[in-house]
Amino acid sequence: MPYRSGSRSLAHPADRSRSLSRTRAISLGTIAFLTVAGFVAGLCFLHLWQTTRIHELTASVQSATEVLADVEGVNRVLEFQIEQAFSLERVARIARDRLGMIEPTVVHYVPLTADETD
C-alpha cells in the first residue's frame, strides 16, 4: 500500500492527539470567550437598565415636585381666604350690615365702694 501524506489511517498517533488537544483548546478558548462576552453583555444591559430607571425616577420626582408646587399655591390661596373670612373687620361689618348691631357707645362706670355693695 503506497504511503499518502493526507491519509488519516496512516497518520502518526502523536499527530492525532495534537489535533484533539487543539480542538479542545479551541473549544475551551471559545467557551471562555463566550463566557466573558456574556458577562460583559450582562453588565452592559445592567447599566442600560439602571440608566433608564434613573431617568424614569427623575421624571417622576420632577412631576411630583410640580404637583407639590401647585398644591402649595392652592394652600396659600385657601389660607388667605380663611384669614379674610375670620378677620375682625369682616365680622364687625357682618354684625352691622346683616344683624343690625351698632358700635357701642361710651359707657361710664361708677365705681362702688365696699360699703355700698351690701
PDB file of N, CA and C in Angstrom:
ATOM      1  N   MET A   1       0.852  -1.154   0.000  1.00  0.00           N
ATOM      2  CA  MET A   1       0.000   0.000   0.000  1.00  0.00           C
ATOM      3  C   MET A   1       0.910   1.231   0.000  1.00  0.00           C
ATOM      4  N   PRO A   2       0.671   2.114  -0.942  1.00  0.00           N
ATOM      5  CA  PRO A   2       1.528   3.294  -1.015  1.00  0.00           C
ATOM      6  C   PRO A   2       1.186   4.286   0.098  1.00  0.00           C
ATOM      7  N   TYR A   3       2.160   5.020   0.532  1.00  0.00           N
ATOM      8  CA  TYR A   3       2.000   5.992   1.614  1.00  0.00           C
ATOM      9  C   TYR A   3       1.461   7.287   1.041  1.00  0.00           C
ATOM     10  N   ARG A   4       0.343   7.749   1.608  1.00  0.00           N
ATOM     11  CA  ARG A   4      -0.190   9.053   1.229  1.00  0.00           C
ATOM     12  C   ARG A   4      -0.111   9.967   2.443  1.00  0.00           C
ATOM     13  N   SER A   5       0.327  11.141   2.219  1.00  0.00           N
ATOM     14  CA  SER A   5       0.517  12.070   3.337  1.00  0.00           C
ATOM     15  C   SER A   5      -0.813  12.587   3.882  1.00  0.00           C
ATOM     16  N   GLY A   6      -1.831  12.602   3.071  1.00  0.00           N
ATOM     17  CA  GLY A   6      -3.117  13.121   3.507  1.00  0.00           C
ATOM     18  C   GLY A   6      -4.008  12.057   4.100  1.00  0.00           C
ATOM     19  N   SER A   7      -3.567  10.830   4.148  1.00  0.00           N
ATOM     20  CA  SER A   7      -4.409   9.747   4.630  1.00  0.00           C
ATOM     21  C   SER A   7      -4.466   9.766   6.148  1.00  0.00           C
ATOM     22  N   ARG A   8      -5.647   9.617   6.674  1.00  0.00           N
ATOM     23  CA  ARG A   8      -5.824   9.632   8.122  1.00  0.00           C
ATOM     24  C   ARG A   8      -5.470   8.281   8.730  1.00  0.00           C
ATOM     25  N   SER A   9      -5.649   7.275   7.972  1.00  0.00           N
ATOM     26  CA  SER A   9      -5.395   5.950   8.523  1.00  0.00           C
ATOM     27  C   SER A   9      -3.924   5.724   8.801  1.00  0.00           C
ATOM     28  N   LEU A  10      -3.062   6.401   8.097  1.00  0.00           N
ATOM     29  CA  LEU A  10      -1.638   6.200   8.293  1.00  0.00           C
ATOM     30  C   LEU A  10      -1.010   7.322   9.103  1.00  0.00           C
ATOM     31  N   ALA A  11      -1.823   8.239   9.666  1.00  0.00           N
ATOM     32  CA  ALA A  11      -1.281   9.360  10.429  1.00  0.00           C
ATOM     33  C   ALA A  11      -0.669   8.850  11.706  1.00  0.00           C
ATOM     34  N   HIS A  12       0.304   9.525  12.138  1.00  0.00           N
ATOM     35  CA  HIS A  12       1.011   9.177  13.356  1.00  0.00           C
ATOM     36  C   HIS A  12       0.107   9.430  14.561  1.00  0.00           C
ATOM     37  N   PRO A  13       0.076   8.552  15.564  1.00  0.00           N
ATOM     38  CA  PRO A  13      -0.801   8.741  16.726  1.00  0.00           C
ATOM     39  C   PRO A  13      -0.524  10.023  17.495  1.00  0.00           C
ATOM     40  N   ALA A  14       0.688  10.491  17.538  1.00  0.00           N
ATOM     41  CA  ALA A  14       1.013  11.735  18.252  1.00  0.00           C
ATOM     42  C   ALA A  14       0.363  12.925  17.563  1.00  0.00           C
ATOM     43  N   ASP A  15       0.320  12.866  16.206  1.00  0.00           N
ATOM     44  CA  ASP A  15      -0.349  13.940  15.471  1.00  0.00           C
ATOM     45  C   ASP A  15      -1.844  13.971  15.776  1.00  0.00           C
ATOM     46  N   ARG A  16      -2.410  12.794  15.921  1.00  0.00           N
ATOM     47  CA  ARG A  16      -3.835  12.712  16.229  1.00  0.00           C
ATOM     48  C   ARG A  16      -4.123  13.329  17.605  1.00  0.00           C
ATOM     49  N   SER A  17      -3.313  13.071  18.615  1.00  0.00           N
ATOM     50  CA  SER A  17      -3.525  13.639  19.953  1.00  0.00           C
ATOM     51  C   SER A  17      -3.325  15.143  19.938  1.00  0.00           C
ATOM     52  N   ARG A  18      -2.400  15.649  19.102  1.00  0.00           N
ATOM     53  CA  ARG A  18      -2.199  17.095  18.997  1.00  0.00           C
ATOM     54  C   ARG A  18      -3.427  17.772  18.391  1.00  0.00           C
ATOM     55  N   SER A  19      -4.003  17.146  17.380  1.00  0.00           N
ATOM     56  CA  SER A  19      -5.186  17.741  16.768  1.00  0.00           C
ATOM     57  C   SER A  19      -6.367  17.709  17.728  1.00  0.00           C
ATOM     58  N   LEU A  20      -6.489  16.653  18.541  1.00  0.00           N
ATOM     59  CA  LEU A  20      -7.540  16.609  19.555  1.00  0.00           C
ATOM     60  C   LEU A  20      -7.315  17.674  20.620  1.00  0.00           C
ATOM     61  N   SER A  21      -6.067  17.858  21.054  1.00  0.00           N
ATOM     62  CA  SER A  21      -5.792  18.871  22.076  1.00  0.00           C
ATOM     63  C   SER A  21      -6.025  20.269  21.519  1.00  0.00           C
ATOM     64  N   ARG A  22      -5.708  20.486  20.219  1.00  0.00           N
ATOM     65  CA  ARG A  22      -6.013  21.782  19.610  1.00  0.00           C
ATOM     66  C   ARG A  22      -7.512  22.009  19.553  1.00  0.00           C
ATOM     67  N   THR A  23      -8.252  20.979  19.225  1.00  0.00           N
ATOM     68  CA  THR A  23      -9.701  21.088  19.179  1.00  0.00           C
ATOM     69  C   THR A  23     -10.237  21.413  20.559  1.00  0.00           C
ATOM     70  N   ARG A  24      -9.716  20.750  21.576  1.00  0.00           N
ATOM     71  CA  ARG A  24     -10.147  21.043  22.949  1.00  0.00           C
ATOM     72  C   ARG A  24      -9.713  22.440  23.366  1.00  0.00           C
ATOM     73  N   ALA A  25      -8.519  22.841  23.007  1.00  0.00           N
ATOM     74  CA  ALA A  25      -8.034  24.182  23.362  1.00  0.00           C
ATOM     75  C   ALA A  25      -8.875  25.241  22.675  1.00  0.00           C
ATOM     76  N   ILE A  26      -9.235  25.025  21.460  1.00  0.00           N
ATOM     77  CA  ILE A  26     -10.071  25.987  20.739  1.00  0.00           C
ATOM     78  C   ILE A  26     -11.459  26.033  21.367  1.00  0.00           C
ATOM     79  N   SER A  27     -11.988  24.891  21.704  1.00  0.00           N
ATOM     80  CA  SER A  27     -13.318  24.895  22.300  1.00  0.00           C
ATOM     81  C   SER A  27     -13.294  25.499  23.704  1.00  0.00           C
ATOM     82  N   LEU A  28     -12.238  25.255  24.483  1.00  0.00           N
ATOM     83  CA  LEU A  28     -12.128  25.884  25.803  1.00  0.00           C
ATOM     84  C   LEU A  28     -11.928  27.386  25.662  1.00  0.00           C
ATOM     85  N   GLY A  29     -11.137  27.784  24.691  1.00  0.00           N
ATOM     86  CA  GLY A  29     -10.948  29.213  24.440  1.00  0.00           C
ATOM     87  C   GLY A  29     -12.233  29.863  23.990  1.00  0.00           C
ATOM     88  N   THR A  30     -12.975  29.156  23.147  1.00  0.00           N
ATOM     89  CA  THR A  30     -14.257  29.678  22.686  1.00  0.00           C
ATOM     90  C   THR A  30     -15.240  29.797  23.840  1.00  0.00           C
ATOM     91  N   ILE A  31     -15.249  28.797  24.687  1.00  0.00           N
ATOM     92  CA  ILE A  31     -16.139  28.828  25.859  1.00  0.00           C
ATOM     93  C   ILE A  31     -15.753  29.973  26.788  1.00  0.00           C
ATOM     94  N   ALA A  32     -14.465  30.150  27.003  1.00  0.00           N
ATOM     95  CA  ALA A  32     -14.000  31.245  27.860  1.00  0.00           C
ATOM     96  C   ALA A  32     -14.384  32.590  27.251  1.00  0.00           C
ATOM     97  N   PHE A  33     -14.187  32.724  25.934  1.00  0.00           N
ATOM     98  CA  PHE A  33     -14.541  33.970  25.266  1.00  0.00           C
ATOM     99  C   PHE A  33     -16.038  34.243  25.366  1.00  0.00           C
ATOM    100  N   LEU A  34     -16.835  33.219  25.123  1.00  0.00           N
ATOM    101  CA  LEU A  34     -18.281  33.392  25.201  1.00  0.00           C
ATOM    102  C   LEU A  34     -18.731  33.729  26.614  1.00  0.00           C
ATOM    103  N   THR A  35     -18.079  33.129  27.597  1.00  0.00           N
ATOM    104  CA  THR A  35     -18.414  33.428  28.987  1.00  0.00           C
ATOM    105  C   THR A  35     -18.101  34.886  29.319  1.00  0.00           C
ATOM    106  N   VAL A  36     -16.918  35.323  28.922  1.00  0.00           N
ATOM    107  CA  VAL A  36     -16.532  36.722  29.177  1.00  0.00           C
ATOM    108  C   VAL A  36     -17.441  37.665  28.397  1.00  0.00           C
ATOM    109  N   ALA A  37     -17.723  37.320  27.137  1.00  0.00           N
ATOM    110  CA  ALA A  37     -18.601  38.167  26.332  1.00  0.00           C
ATOM    111  C   ALA A  37     -20.000  38.232  26.928  1.00  0.00           C
ATOM    112  N   GLY A  38     -20.497  37.104  27.414  1.00  0.00           N
ATOM    113  CA  GLY A  38     -21.811  37.098  28.066  1.00  0.00           C
ATOM    114  C   GLY A  38     -21.818  37.948  29.324  1.00  0.00           C
ATOM    115  N   PHE A  39     -20.736  37.878  30.097  1.00  0.00           N
ATOM    116  CA  PHE A  39     -20.637  38.672  31.322  1.00  0.00           C
ATOM    117  C   PHE A  39     -20.604  40.162  30.986  1.00  0.00           C
ATOM    118  N   VAL A  40     -19.827  40.531  29.988  1.00  0.00           N
ATOM    119  CA  VAL A  40     -19.738  41.945  29.575  1.00  0.00           C
ATOM    120  C   VAL A  40     -21.087  42.417  29.035  1.00  0.00           C
ATOM    121  N   ALA A  41     -21.741  41.579  28.239  1.00  0.00           N
ATOM    122  CA  ALA A  41     -23.057  41.953  27.724  1.00  0.00           C
ATOM    123  C   ALA A  41     -24.054  42.121  28.866  1.00  0.00           C
ATOM    124  N   GLY A  42     -23.985  41.242  29.845  1.00  0.00           N
ATOM    125  CA  GLY A  42     -24.860  41.374  31.010  1.00  0.00           C
ATOM    126  C   GLY A  42     -24.623  42.670  31.759  1.00  0.00           C
ATOM    127  N   LEU A  43     -23.352  43.036  31.923  1.00  0.00           N
ATOM    128  CA  LEU A  43     -23.039  44.306  32.585  1.00  0.00           C
ATOM    129  C   LEU A  43     -23.541  45.496  31.774  1.00  0.00           C
ATOM    130  N   CYS A  44     -23.447  45.401  30.448  1.00  0.00           N
ATOM    131  CA  CYS A  44     -23.950  46.485  29.597  1.00  0.00           C
ATOM    132  C   CYS A  44     -25.468  46.626  29.736  1.00  0.00           C
ATOM    133  N   PHE A  45     -26.177  45.509  29.723  1.00  0.00           N
ATOM    134  CA  PHE A  45     -27.628  45.566  29.888  1.00  0.00           C
ATOM    135  C   PHE A  45     -28.005  46.072  31.273  1.00  0.00           C
ATOM    136  N   LEU A  46     -27.243  45.692  32.288  1.00  0.00           N
ATOM    137  CA  LEU A  46     -27.498  46.195  33.642  1.00  0.00           C
ATOM    138  C   LEU A  46     -27.322  47.704  33.685  1.00  0.00           C
ATOM    139  N   HIS A  47     -26.260  48.191  33.049  1.00  0.00           N
ATOM    140  CA  HIS A  47     -26.019  49.641  33.016  1.00  0.00           C
ATOM    141  C   HIS A  47     -27.153  50.366  32.287  1.00  0.00           C
ATOM    142  N   LEU A  48     -27.582  49.826  31.158  1.00  0.00           N
ATOM    143  CA  LEU A  48     -28.687  50.442  30.419  1.00  0.00           C
ATOM    144  C   LEU A  48     -29.973  50.451  31.230  1.00  0.00           C
ATOM    145  N   TRP A  49     -30.258  49.350  31.917  1.00  0.00           N
ATOM    146  CA  TRP A  49     -31.478  49.274  32.733  1.00  0.00           C
ATOM    147  C   TRP A  49     -31.422  50.287  33.865  1.00  0.00           C
ATOM    148  N   GLN A  50     -30.252  50.376  34.542  1.00  0.00           N
ATOM    149  CA  GLN A  50     -30.128  51.323  35.644  1.00  0.00           C
ATOM    150  C   GLN A  50     -30.260  52.764  35.151  1.00  0.00           C
ATOM    151  N   THR A  51     -29.670  53.068  34.021  1.00  0.00           N
ATOM    152  CA  THR A  51     -29.768  54.424  33.470  1.00  0.00           C
ATOM    153  C   THR A  51     -31.208  54.758  33.123  1.00  0.00           C
ATOM    154  N   THR A  52     -31.897  53.818  32.502  1.00  0.00           N
ATOM    155  CA  THR A  52     -33.305  54.030  32.165  1.00  0.00           C
ATOM    156  C   THR A  52     -34.139  54.225  33.421  1.00  0.00           C
ATOM    157  N   ARG A  53     -33.903  53.423  34.427  1.00  0.00           N
ATOM    158  CA  ARG A  53     -34.659  53.525  35.687  1.00  0.00           C
ATOM    159  C   ARG A  53     -34.386  54.863  36.377  1.00  0.00           C
ATOM    160  N   ILE A  54     -33.144  55.318  36.339  1.00  0.00           N
ATOM    161  CA  ILE A  54     -32.803  56.612  36.943  1.00  0.00           C
ATOM    162  C   ILE A  54     -33.544  57.736  36.226  1.00  0.00           C
ATOM    163  N   HIS A  55     -33.601  57.676  34.890  1.00  0.00           N
ATOM    164  CA  HIS A  55     -34.331  58.704  34.141  1.00  0.00           C
ATOM    165  C   HIS A  55     -35.825  58.664  34.466  1.00  0.00           C
ATOM    166  N   GLU A  56     -36.387  57.469  34.604  1.00  0.00           N
ATOM    167  CA  GLU A  56     -37.809  57.356  34.962  1.00  0.00           C
ATOM    168  C   GLU A  56     -38.062  57.943  36.338  1.00  0.00           C
ATOM    169  N   LEU A  57     -37.205  57.621  37.303  1.00  0.00           N
ATOM    170  CA  LEU A  57     -37.395  58.134  38.660  1.00  0.00           C
ATOM    171  C   LEU A  57     -37.182  59.645  38.721  1.00  0.00           C
ATOM    172  N   THR A  58     -36.245  60.153  37.949  1.00  0.00           N
ATOM    173  CA  THR A  58     -36.022  61.601  37.909  1.00  0.00           C
ATOM    174  C   THR A  58     -37.253  62.313  37.358  1.00  0.00           C
ATOM    175  N   ALA A  59     -37.838  61.763  36.299  1.00  0.00           N
ATOM    176  CA  ALA A  59     -39.059  62.346  35.739  1.00  0.00           C
ATOM    177  C   ALA A  59     -40.203  62.280  36.743  1.00  0.00           C
ATOM    178  N   SER A  60     -40.280  61.191  37.483  1.00  0.00           N
ATOM    179  CA  SER A  60     -41.330  61.045  38.492  1.00  0.00           C
ATOM    180  C   SER A  60     -41.153  62.067  39.613  1.00  0.00           C
ATOM    181  N   VAL A  61     -39.920  62.267  40.046  1.00  0.00           N
ATOM    182  CA  VAL A  61     -39.651  63.260  41.094  1.00  0.00           C
ATOM    183  C   VAL A  61     -39.991  64.656  40.601  1.00  0.00           C
ATOM    184  N   GLN A  62     -39.630  64.961  39.369  1.00  0.00           N
ATOM    185  CA  GLN A  62     -39.938  66.281  38.812  1.00  0.00           C
ATOM    186  C   GLN A  62     -41.450  66.497  38.727  1.00  0.00           C
ATOM    187  N   SER A  63     -42.176  65.485  38.319  1.00  0.00           N
ATOM    188  CA  SER A  63     -43.629  65.580  38.245  1.00  0.00           C
ATOM    189  C   SER A  63     -44.229  65.786  39.628  1.00  0.00           C
ATOM    190  N   ALA A  64     -43.732  65.042  40.610  1.00  0.00           N
ATOM    191  CA  ALA A  64     -44.231  65.183  41.981  1.00  0.00           C
ATOM    192  C   ALA A  64     -43.902  66.568  42.535  1.00  0.00           C
ATOM    193  N   THR A  65     -42.749  67.114  42.174  1.00  0.00           N
ATOM    194  CA  THR A  65     -42.376  68.462  42.627  1.00  0.00           C
ATOM    195  C   THR A  65     -43.311  69.508  42.038  1.00  0.00           C
ATOM    196  N   GLU A  66     -43.676  69.338  40.770  1.00  0.00           N
ATOM    197  CA  GLU A  66     -44.622  70.278  40.142  1.00  0.00           C
ATOM    198  C   GLU A  66     -45.997  70.187  40.791  1.00  0.00           C
ATOM    199  N   VAL A  67     -46.449  68.985  41.093  1.00  0.00           N
ATOM    200  CA  VAL A  67     -47.745  68.814  41.763  1.00  0.00           C
ATOM    201  C   VAL A  67     -47.692  69.442  43.149  1.00  0.00           C
ATOM    202  N   LEU A  68     -46.573  69.248  43.854  1.00  0.00           N
ATOM    203  CA  LEU A  68     -46.421  69.834  45.193  1.00  0.00           C
ATOM    204  C   LEU A  68     -46.475  71.355  45.127  1.00  0.00           C
ATOM    205  N   ALA A  69     -45.826  71.944  44.128  1.00  0.00           N
ATOM    206  CA  ALA A  69     -45.859  73.409  43.983  1.00  0.00           C
ATOM    207  C   ALA A  69     -47.282  73.887  43.731  1.00  0.00           C
ATOM    208  N   ASP A  70     -48.034  73.166  42.904  1.00  0.00           N
ATOM    209  CA  ASP A  70     -49.436  73.536  42.647  1.00  0.00           C
ATOM    210  C   ASP A  70     -50.274  73.439  43.916  1.00  0.00           C
ATOM    211  N   VAL A  71     -50.099  72.383  44.672  1.00  0.00           N
ATOM    212  CA  VAL A  71     -50.868  72.193  45.908  1.00  0.00           C
ATOM    213  C   VAL A  71     -50.503  73.253  46.939  1.00  0.00           C
ATOM    214  N   GLU A  72     -49.215  73.613  47.023  1.00  0.00           N
ATOM    215  CA  GLU A  72     -48.818  74.662  47.960  1.00  0.00           C
ATOM    216  C   GLU A  72     -49.425  76.007  47.560  1.00  0.00           C
ATOM    217  N   GLY A  73     -49.523  76.278  46.257  1.00  0.00           N
ATOM    218  CA  GLY A  73     -50.166  77.516  45.798  1.00  0.00           C
ATOM    219  C   GLY A  73     -51.635  77.550  46.177  1.00  0.00           C
ATOM    220  N   VAL A  74     -52.336  76.447  45.982  1.00  0.00           N
ATOM    221  CA  VAL A  74     -53.750  76.370  46.383  1.00  0.00           C
ATOM    222  C   VAL A  74     -53.872  76.535  47.899  1.00  0.00           C
ATOM    223  N   ASN A  75     -52.946  75.946  48.632  1.00  0.00           N
ATOM    224  CA  ASN A  75     -52.968  76.048  50.095  1.00  0.00           C
ATOM    225  C   ASN A  75     -52.798  77.503  50.543  1.00  0.00           C
ATOM    226  N   ARG A  76     -51.880  78.230  49.892  1.00  0.00           N
ATOM    227  CA  ARG A  76     -51.697  79.643  50.242  1.00  0.00           C
ATOM    228  C   ARG A  76     -52.961  80.455  49.959  1.00  0.00           C
ATOM    229  N   VAL A  77     -53.619  80.197  48.839  1.00  0.00           N
ATOM    230  CA  VAL A  77     -54.857  80.910  48.499  1.00  0.00           C
ATOM    231  C   VAL A  77     -55.930  80.614  49.535  1.00  0.00           C
ATOM    232  N   LEU A  78     -56.064  79.357  49.919  1.00  0.00           N
ATOM    233  CA  LEU A  78     -57.077  78.984  50.916  1.00  0.00           C
ATOM    234  C   LEU A  78     -56.780  79.593  52.279  1.00  0.00           C
ATOM    235  N   GLU A  79     -55.499  79.619  52.677  1.00  0.00           N
ATOM    236  CA  GLU A  79     -55.148  80.251  53.951  1.00  0.00           C
ATOM    237  C   GLU A  79     -55.493  81.740  53.935  1.00  0.00           C
ATOM    238  N   PHE A  80     -55.246  82.409  52.799  1.00  0.00           N
ATOM    239  CA  PHE A  80     -55.587  83.825  52.684  1.00  0.00           C
ATOM    240  C   PHE A  80     -57.095  84.020  52.789  1.00  0.00           C
ATOM    241  N   GLN A  81     -57.869  83.163  52.128  1.00  0.00           N
ATOM    242  CA  GLN A  81     -59.327  83.268  52.207  1.00  0.00           C
ATOM    243  C   GLN A  81     -59.831  83.012  53.624  1.00  0.00           C
ATOM    244  N   ILE A  82     -59.228  82.067  54.322  1.00  0.00           N
ATOM    245  CA  ILE A  82     -59.625  81.796  55.713  1.00  0.00           C
ATOM    246  C   ILE A  82     -59.312  82.994  56.593  1.00  0.00           C
ATOM    247  N   GLU A  83     -58.122  83.593  56.399  1.00  0.00           N
ATOM    248  CA  GLU A  83     -57.759  84.769  57.197  1.00  0.00           C
ATOM    249  C   GLU A  83     -58.734  85.916  56.945  1.00  0.00           C
ATOM    250  N   GLN A  84     -59.129  86.109  55.708  1.00  0.00           N
ATOM    251  CA  GLN A  84     -60.079  87.175  55.411  1.00  0.00           C
ATOM    252  C   GLN A  84     -61.464  86.851  55.963  1.00  0.00           C
ATOM    253  N   ALA A  85     -61.864  85.590  55.900  1.00  0.00           N
ATOM    254  CA  ALA A  85     -63.204  85.224  56.364  1.00  0.00           C
ATOM    255  C   ALA A  85     -63.349  85.426  57.869  1.00  0.00           C
ATOM    256  N   PHE A  86     -62.312  85.234  58.625  1.00  0.00           N
ATOM    257  CA  PHE A  86     -62.404  85.345  60.081  1.00  0.00           C
ATOM    258  C   PHE A  86     -61.727  86.602  60.619  1.00  0.00           C
ATOM    259  N   SER A  87     -61.498  87.583  59.766  1.00  0.00           N
ATOM    260  CA  SER A  87     -60.883  88.818  60.249  1.00  0.00           C
ATOM    261  C   SER A  87     -61.904  89.610  61.071  1.00  0.00           C
ATOM    262  N   LEU A  88     -61.412  90.406  61.989  1.00  0.00           N
ATOM    263  CA  LEU A  88     -62.289  91.180  62.874  1.00  0.00           C
ATOM    264  C   LEU A  88     -63.064  92.234  62.094  1.00  0.00           C
ATOM    265  N   GLU A  89     -62.459  92.792  61.059  1.00  0.00           N
ATOM    266  CA  GLU A  89     -63.153  93.798  60.268  1.00  0.00           C
ATOM    267  C   GLU A  89     -64.364  93.181  59.559  1.00  0.00           C
ATOM    268  N   ARG A  90     -64.209  92.003  59.027  1.00  0.00           N
ATOM    269  CA  ARG A  90     -65.317  91.342  58.329  1.00  0.00           C
ATOM    270  C   ARG A  90     -66.427  90.969  59.313  1.00  0.00           C
ATOM    271  N   VAL A  91     -66.038  90.452  60.470  1.00  0.00           N
ATOM    272  CA  VAL A  91     -67.046  90.085  61.474  1.00  0.00           C
ATOM    273  C   VAL A  91     -67.810  91.323  61.918  1.00  0.00           C
ATOM    274  N   ALA A  92     -67.106  92.444  62.124  1.00  0.00           N
ATOM    275  CA  ALA A  92     -67.772  93.683  62.530  1.00  0.00           C
ATOM    276  C   ALA A  92     -68.699  94.189  61.424  1.00  0.00           C
ATOM    277  N   ARG A  93     -68.278  94.110  60.175  1.00  0.00           N
ATOM    278  CA  ARG A  93     -69.121  94.559  59.061  1.00  0.00           C
ATOM    279  C   ARG A  93     -70.378  93.702  58.944  1.00  0.00           C
ATOM    280  N   ILE A  94     -70.232  92.377  59.077  1.00  0.00           N
ATOM    281  CA  ILE A  94     -71.398  91.491  59.013  1.00  0.00           C
ATOM    282  C   ILE A  94     -72.340  91.779  60.185  1.00  0.00           C
ATOM    283  N   ALA A  95     -71.766  92.042  61.357  1.00  0.00           N
ATOM    284  CA  ALA A  95     -72.605  92.340  62.523  1.00  0.00           C
ATOM    285  C   ALA A  95     -73.410  93.622  62.301  1.00  0.00           C
ATOM    286  N   ARG A  96     -72.797  94.615  61.688  1.00  0.00           N
ATOM    287  CA  ARG A  96     -73.521  95.868  61.432  1.00  0.00           C
ATOM    288  C   ARG A  96     -74.534  95.717  60.307  1.00  0.00           C
ATOM    289  N   ASP A  97     -74.110  95.101  59.180  1.00  0.00           N
ATOM    290  CA  ASP A  97     -74.964  95.059  57.986  1.00  0.00           C
ATOM    291  C   ASP A  97     -76.090  94.042  58.119  1.00  0.00           C
ATOM    292  N   ARG A  98     -75.787  92.848  58.493  1.00  0.00           N
ATOM    293  CA  ARG A  98     -76.796  91.792  58.490  1.00  0.00           C
ATOM    294  C   ARG A  98     -77.581  91.692  59.796  1.00  0.00           C
ATOM    295  N   LEU A  99     -76.898  91.945  60.885  1.00  0.00           N
ATOM    296  CA  LEU A  99     -77.559  91.749  62.175  1.00  0.00           C
ATOM    297  C   LEU A  99     -78.063  93.054  62.792  1.00  0.00           C
ATOM    298  N   GLY A 100     -77.712  94.168  62.183  1.00  0.00           N
ATOM    299  CA  GLY A 100     -78.213  95.453  62.664  1.00  0.00           C
ATOM    300  C   GLY A 100     -77.570  95.907  63.955  1.00  0.00           C
ATOM    301  N   MET A 101     -76.445  95.439  64.277  1.00  0.00           N
ATOM    302  CA  MET A 101     -75.765  95.865  65.501  1.00  0.00           C
ATOM    303  C   MET A 101     -75.115  97.220  65.277  1.00  0.00           C
ATOM    304  N   ILE A 102     -74.895  97.932  66.370  1.00  0.00           N
ATOM    305  CA  ILE A 102     -74.264  99.244  66.279  1.00  0.00           C
ATOM    306  C   ILE A 102     -73.004  99.232  67.132  1.00  0.00           C
ATOM    307  N   GLU A 103     -72.183 100.223  66.882  1.00  0.00           N
ATOM    308  CA  GLU A 103     -70.962 100.354  67.677  1.00  0.00           C
ATOM    309  C   GLU A 103     -71.359 100.749  69.103  1.00  0.00           C
ATOM    310  N   PRO A 104     -70.648 100.214  70.063  1.00  0.00           N
ATOM    311  CA  PRO A 104     -71.024 100.567  71.442  1.00  0.00           C
ATOM    312  C   PRO A 104     -70.728 102.040  71.724  1.00  0.00           C
ATOM    313  N   THR A 105     -71.598 102.589  72.533  1.00  0.00           N
ATOM    314  CA  THR A 105     -71.376 103.982  72.937  1.00  0.00           C
ATOM    315  C   THR A 105     -70.492 103.965  74.164  1.00  0.00           C
ATOM    316  N   VAL A 106     -70.063 105.142  74.528  1.00  0.00           N
ATOM    317  CA  VAL A 106     -69.192 105.241  75.695  1.00  0.00           C
ATOM    318  C   VAL A 106     -70.031 104.995  76.936  1.00  0.00           C
ATOM    319  N   VAL A 107     -69.618 104.067  77.720  1.00  0.00           N
ATOM    320  CA  VAL A 107     -70.336 103.717  78.938  1.00  0.00           C
ATOM    321  C   VAL A 107     -69.506 104.215  80.108  1.00  0.00           C
ATOM    322  N   HIS A 108     -70.178 104.923  80.967  1.00  0.00           N
ATOM    323  CA  HIS A 108     -69.492 105.437  82.154  1.00  0.00           C
ATOM    324  C   HIS A 108     -69.804 104.514  83.306  1.00  0.00           C
ATOM    325  N   TYR A 109     -68.808 104.039  83.901  1.00  0.00           N
ATOM    326  CA  TYR A 109     -68.969 103.164  85.069  1.00  0.00           C
ATOM    327  C   TYR A 109     -68.753 103.984  86.320  1.00  0.00           C
ATOM    328  N   VAL A 110     -69.591 103.707  87.286  1.00  0.00           N
ATOM    329  CA  VAL A 110     -69.460 104.375  88.576  1.00  0.00           C
ATOM    330  C   VAL A 110     -68.952 103.333  89.547  1.00  0.00           C
ATOM    331  N   PRO A 111     -67.787 103.542  90.071  1.00  0.00           N
ATOM    332  CA  PRO A 111     -67.252 102.547  90.997  1.00  0.00           C
ATOM    333  C   PRO A 111     -68.030 102.548  92.304  1.00  0.00           C
ATOM    334  N   LEU A 112     -68.252 101.382  92.795  1.00  0.00           N
ATOM    335  CA  LEU A 112     -68.969 101.240  94.065  1.00  0.00           C
ATOM    336  C   LEU A 112     -67.944 100.955  95.156  1.00  0.00           C
ATOM    337  N   THR A 113     -68.240 101.458  96.316  1.00  0.00           N
ATOM    338  CA  THR A 113     -67.358 101.157  97.438  1.00  0.00           C
ATOM    339  C   THR A 113     -67.828  99.886  98.105  1.00  0.00           C
ATOM    340  N   ALA A 114     -67.050  99.330  98.901  1.00  0.00           N
ATOM    341  CA  ALA A 114     -67.379  98.052  99.542  1.00  0.00           C
ATOM    342  C   ALA A 114     -68.576  98.195 100.485  1.00  0.00           C
ATOM    343  N   ASP A 115     -68.806  99.381 101.068  1.00  0.00           N
ATOM    344  CA  ASP A 115     -69.939  99.563 101.984  1.00  0.00           C
ATOM    345  C   ASP A 115     -71.248  99.555 101.214  1.00  0.00           C
ATOM    346  N   GLU A 116     -71.273 100.023 100.008  1.00  0.00           N
ATOM    347  CA  GLU A 116     -72.494 100.147  99.239  1.00  0.00           C
ATOM    348  C   GLU A 116     -72.931  98.805  98.597  1.00  0.00           C
ATOM    349  N   THR A 117     -72.088  97.819  98.549  1.00  0.00           N
ATOM    350  CA  THR A 117     -72.437  96.547  97.924  1.00  0.00           C
ATOM    351  C   THR A 117     -73.317  95.684  98.787  1.00  0.00           C
ATOM    352  N   ASP A 118     -73.439  95.984 100.065  1.00  0.00           N
ATOM    353  CA  ASP A 118     -74.271  95.157 100.970  1.00  0.00           C
ATOM    354  C   ASP A 118     -75.688  95.393 100.756  1.00  0.00           C
TER     355      ASP A 118
END
